[in-house]
C-alpha atoms as a PDB file:
ATOM      1  CA  MET A   1     125.957  81.703  95.463  1.00  0.00           C
ATOM      2  CA  ARG A   2     122.817  83.643  96.422  1.00  0.00           C
ATOM      3  CA  ASP A   3     124.452  84.775  99.681  1.00  0.00           C
ATOM      4  CA  LEU A   4     127.519  86.011  97.815  1.00  0.00           C
ATOM      5  CA  PHE A   5     125.308  87.976  95.419  1.00  0.00           C
ATOM      6  CA  ALA A   6     123.399  89.530  98.353  1.00  0.00           C
ATOM      7  CA  ILE A   7     126.664  90.586 100.010  1.00  0.00           C
ATOM      8  CA  LEU A   8     128.054  92.069  96.793  1.00  0.00           C
ATOM      9  CA  LEU A   9     124.784  93.916  96.140  1.00  0.00           C
ATOM     10  CA  TYR A  10     124.799  95.326  99.674  1.00  0.00           C
ATOM     11  CA  LEU A  11     128.380  96.509  99.216  1.00  0.00           C
ATOM     12  CA  TRP A  12     127.600  97.985  95.756  1.00  0.00           C
ATOM     13  CA  GLN A  13     124.941 100.129  97.442  1.00  0.00           C
ATOM     14  CA  LEU A  14     126.876 100.622 100.681  1.00  0.00           C
ATOM     15  CA  PRO A  15     126.581 104.433 101.052  1.00  0.00           C
ATOM     16  CA  GLN A  16     122.783 104.435 100.734  1.00  0.00           C
ATOM     17  CA  ASN A  17     122.451 101.190 102.726  1.00  0.00           C
ATOM     18  CA  LEU A  18     124.309 102.760 105.651  1.00  0.00           C
ATOM     19  CA  LEU A  19     122.092 105.861 105.485  1.00  0.00           C
ATOM     20  CA  GLY A  20     118.994 103.666 105.260  1.00  0.00           C
ATOM     21  CA  LEU A  21     120.033 101.598 108.257  1.00  0.00           C
ATOM     22  CA  LEU A  22     120.699 104.800 110.224  1.00  0.00           C
ATOM     23  CA  LEU A  23     117.305 106.230 109.232  1.00  0.00           C
ATOM     24  CA  VAL A  24     115.448 103.068 110.273  1.00  0.00           C
ATOM     25  CA  THR A  25     117.327 103.060 113.573  1.00  0.00           C
ATOM     26  CA  ILE A  26     116.421 106.693 114.250  1.00  0.00           C
ATOM     27  CA  LEU A  27     112.781 106.571 113.111  1.00  0.00           C
ATOM     28  CA  LYS A  28     111.911 103.274 114.793  1.00  0.00           C
ATOM     29  CA  PRO A  29     109.147 102.345 112.304  1.00  0.00           C
ATOM     30  CA  GLU A  30     105.876 101.064 113.756  1.00  0.00           C
ATOM     31  CA  SER A  31     105.475  98.325 111.147  1.00  0.00           C
ATOM     32  CA  SER A  32     107.121  96.714 108.177  1.00  0.00           C
ATOM     33  CA  CYS A  33     106.350  94.236 105.443  1.00  0.00           C
ATOM     34  CA  GLU A  34     108.082  92.269 102.727  1.00  0.00           C
ATOM     35  CA  PHE A  35     107.537  93.727  99.255  1.00  0.00           C
ATOM     36  CA  GLU A  36     109.220  92.323  96.157  1.00  0.00           C
ATOM     37  CA  GLY A  37     112.171  91.002  98.107  1.00  0.00           C
ATOM     38  CA  LEU A  38     112.784  94.155 100.152  1.00  0.00           C
ATOM     39  CA  ARG A  39     111.635  95.204 103.593  1.00  0.00           C
ATOM     40  CA  LEU A  40     109.372  98.264 103.582  1.00  0.00           C
ATOM     41  CA  TYR A  41     109.190 100.217 106.815  1.00  0.00           C
ATOM     42  CA  TYR A  42     106.204 102.378 107.771  1.00  0.00           C
ATOM     43  CA  ALA A  43     106.973 105.190 110.202  1.00  0.00           C
ATOM     44  CA  SER A  44     104.730 107.994 111.437  1.00  0.00           C
ATOM     45  CA  ARG A  45     107.819 110.176 111.949  1.00  0.00           C
ATOM     46  CA  MET A  46     108.725 109.931 108.245  1.00  0.00           C
ATOM     47  CA  ARG A  47     107.586 112.731 105.975  1.00  0.00           C
ATOM     48  CA  GLY A  48     106.797 111.163 102.603  1.00  0.00           C
ATOM     49  CA  GLY A  49     108.882 108.229 101.426  1.00  0.00           C
ATOM     50  CA  ILE A  50     112.533 107.477 100.780  1.00  0.00           C
ATOM     51  CA  SER A  51     114.482 104.600  99.287  1.00  0.00           C
ATOM     52  CA  LEU A  52     118.036 104.112 100.451  1.00  0.00           C
ATOM     53  CA  GLY A  53     119.431 100.911  99.007  1.00  0.00           C
ATOM     54  CA  GLN A  54     117.664  97.991 100.616  1.00  0.00           C
ATOM     55  CA  TYR A  55     115.820 100.247 103.076  1.00  0.00           C
ATOM     56  CA  VAL A  56     112.518 101.771 101.999  1.00  0.00           C
ATOM     57  CA  VAL A  57     110.766 103.990 104.543  1.00  0.00           C
ATOM     58  CA  ILE A  58     107.283 105.385 103.940  1.00  0.00           C
ATOM     59  CA  HIS A  59     105.044 107.505 106.153  1.00  0.00           C
ATOM     60  CA  ASP A  60     102.563 105.110 107.715  1.00  0.00           C
ATOM     61  CA  GLN A  61      99.562 106.998 106.311  1.00  0.00           C
ATOM     62  CA  MET A  62     100.980 106.809 102.780  1.00  0.00           C
ATOM     63  CA  LYS A  63     100.404 103.062 102.740  1.00  0.00           C
ATOM     64  CA  ASP A  64      98.809 102.663  99.335  1.00  0.00           C
ATOM     65  CA  TYR A  65      96.576  99.657  98.959  1.00  0.00           C
ATOM     66  CA  THR A  66      96.903  99.927  95.199  1.00  0.00           C
ATOM     67  CA  GLY A  67     100.655  99.509  95.638  1.00  0.00           C
ATOM     68  CA  ARG A  68     101.424 102.717  93.736  1.00  0.00           C
ATOM     69  CA  THR A  69     103.506 104.329  96.497  1.00  0.00           C
ATOM     70  CA  GLU A  70     105.318 101.098  97.225  1.00  0.00           C
ATOM     71  CA  ASN A  71     105.983 100.443  93.518  1.00  0.00           C
ATOM     72  CA  HIS A  72     107.285 103.995  93.044  1.00  0.00           C
ATOM     73  CA  GLU A  73     109.722 103.484  95.922  1.00  0.00           C
ATOM     74  CA  MET A  74     110.698 100.099  94.458  1.00  0.00           C
ATOM     75  CA  GLY A  75     111.582 102.031  91.296  1.00  0.00           C
ATOM     76  CA  HIS A  76     113.991 104.117  93.360  1.00  0.00           C
ATOM     77  CA  SER A  77     115.435 100.896  94.790  1.00  0.00           C
ATOM     78  CA  ARG A  78     116.066  99.677  91.247  1.00  0.00           C
ATOM     79  CA  GLN A  79     117.798 102.972  90.461  1.00  0.00           C
ATOM     80  CA  SER A  80     120.050 102.269  93.447  1.00  0.00           C
ATOM     81  CA  ILE A  81     120.872  98.810  92.102  1.00  0.00           C
ATOM     82  CA  TYR A  82     121.701 100.217  88.662  1.00  0.00           C
ATOM     83  CA  LEU A  83     123.752 103.181  89.872  1.00  0.00           C
ATOM     84  CA  GLY A  84     125.354 101.752  93.008  1.00  0.00           C
ATOM     85  CA  PRO A  85     127.537 104.350  94.724  1.00  0.00           C
ATOM     86  CA  LEU A  86     126.458 107.038  92.219  1.00  0.00           C
ATOM     87  CA  TYR A  87     122.818 106.800  93.349  1.00  0.00           C
ATOM     88  CA  LEU A  88     123.071 109.406  96.103  1.00  0.00           C
ATOM     89  CA  ILE A  89     124.570 111.996  93.745  1.00  0.00           C
ATOM     90  CA  ALA A  90     122.513 111.212  90.636  1.00  0.00           C
ATOM     91  CA  ILE A  91     119.149 110.431  92.255  1.00  0.00           C
ATOM     92  CA  GLY A  92     119.095 110.867  96.031  1.00  0.00           C
ATOM     93  CA  LEU A  93     120.257 114.470  96.381  1.00  0.00           C
ATOM     94  CA  PRO A  94     118.355 115.822  93.343  1.00  0.00           C
ATOM     95  CA  SER A  95     115.206 114.008  94.512  1.00  0.00           C
ATOM     96  CA  ILE A  96     115.422 115.459  98.023  1.00  0.00           C
ATOM     97  CA  LEU A  97     116.061 118.959  96.647  1.00  0.00           C
ATOM     98  CA  TRP A  98     113.120 118.586  94.267  1.00  0.00           C
ATOM     99  CA  ALA A  99     110.859 117.450  97.115  1.00  0.00           C
ATOM    100  CA  ALA A 100     111.912 120.483  99.176  1.00  0.00           C
ATOM    101  CA  TRP A 101     111.376 122.905  96.268  1.00  0.00           C
ATOM    102  CA  TRP A 102     108.274 121.444  94.648  1.00  0.00           C
ATOM    103  CA  ASN A 103     104.931 122.980  95.459  1.00  0.00           C
ATOM    104  CA  ARG A 104     101.554 121.901  94.107  1.00  0.00           C
ATOM    105  CA  SER A 105     100.783 125.525  93.229  1.00  0.00           C
ATOM    106  CA  ARG A 106     103.671 125.633  90.751  1.00  0.00           C
ATOM    107  CA  GLY A 107     101.412 123.864  88.269  1.00  0.00           C
ATOM    108  CA  MET A 108     103.539 120.811  87.603  1.00  0.00           C
ATOM    109  CA  SER A 109     103.359 117.249  88.784  1.00  0.00           C
ATOM    110  CA  TYR A 110     105.798 116.161  91.461  1.00  0.00           C
ATOM    111  CA  TYR A 111     106.396 113.101  89.300  1.00  0.00           C
ATOM    112  CA  SER A 112     107.477 115.132  86.261  1.00  0.00           C
ATOM    113  CA  PHE A 113     111.051 115.444  87.621  1.00  0.00           C
ATOM    114  CA  TYR A 114     113.483 112.982  86.049  1.00  0.00           C
ATOM    115  CA  THR A 115     114.236 111.080  89.261  1.00  0.00           C
ATOM    116  CA  GLU A 116     110.540 110.537  89.981  1.00  0.00           C
ATOM    117  CA  LYS A 117     109.526 109.852  86.391  1.00  0.00           C
ATOM    118  CA  TRP A 118     112.235 107.192  86.070  1.00  0.00           C
ATOM    119  CA  ALA A 119     111.259 105.639  89.430  1.00  0.00           C
ATOM    120  CA  ASP A 120     107.647 105.413  88.258  1.00  0.00           C
ATOM    121  CA  HIS A 121     108.784 103.779  85.025  1.00  0.00           C
ATOM    122  CA  LEU A 122     110.999 101.239  86.818  1.00  0.00           C
ATOM    123  CA  GLY A 123     108.237 100.507  89.340  1.00  0.00           C
ATOM    124  CA  GLY A 124     105.567 100.102  86.661  1.00  0.00           C
ATOM    125  CA  VAL A 125     103.532 103.060  87.955  1.00  0.00           C
ATOM    126  CA  GLU A 126     101.278 104.897  85.515  1.00  0.00           C
ATOM    127  CA  ARG A 127      99.996 108.349  86.415  1.00  0.00           C
ATOM    128  CA  ASP A 128      97.422 110.657  84.897  1.00  0.00           C
ATOM    129  CA  ASP A 129      98.873 113.749  86.581  1.00  0.00           C
END
């Protein structure tokens, strides 16, 4: 039964899982670890972090020993589970556009955007900023 659930979950998130698999193949991460049932990949060629279904890729120097970065990305993974094939449109694209547009000098927290705020909430991350 567990295997059937895993297959159905992978298919539910198929668009982002395929992109995640492609990204991991291209970036060739230097290390990985198991984190809350998912595989996290750390890659020096990654700028920032991204969650694509069951594939979470984080820049190797963003490894956060408090778990805050990892938990934030786990929040995005939960969004993917909830939204399935709608994740890329509702979360993925807006999040990437926000990351490209956001600048510290604009006077607002990167995590104030709805995609990031919700990911923090789902990942149990509390921020002061």
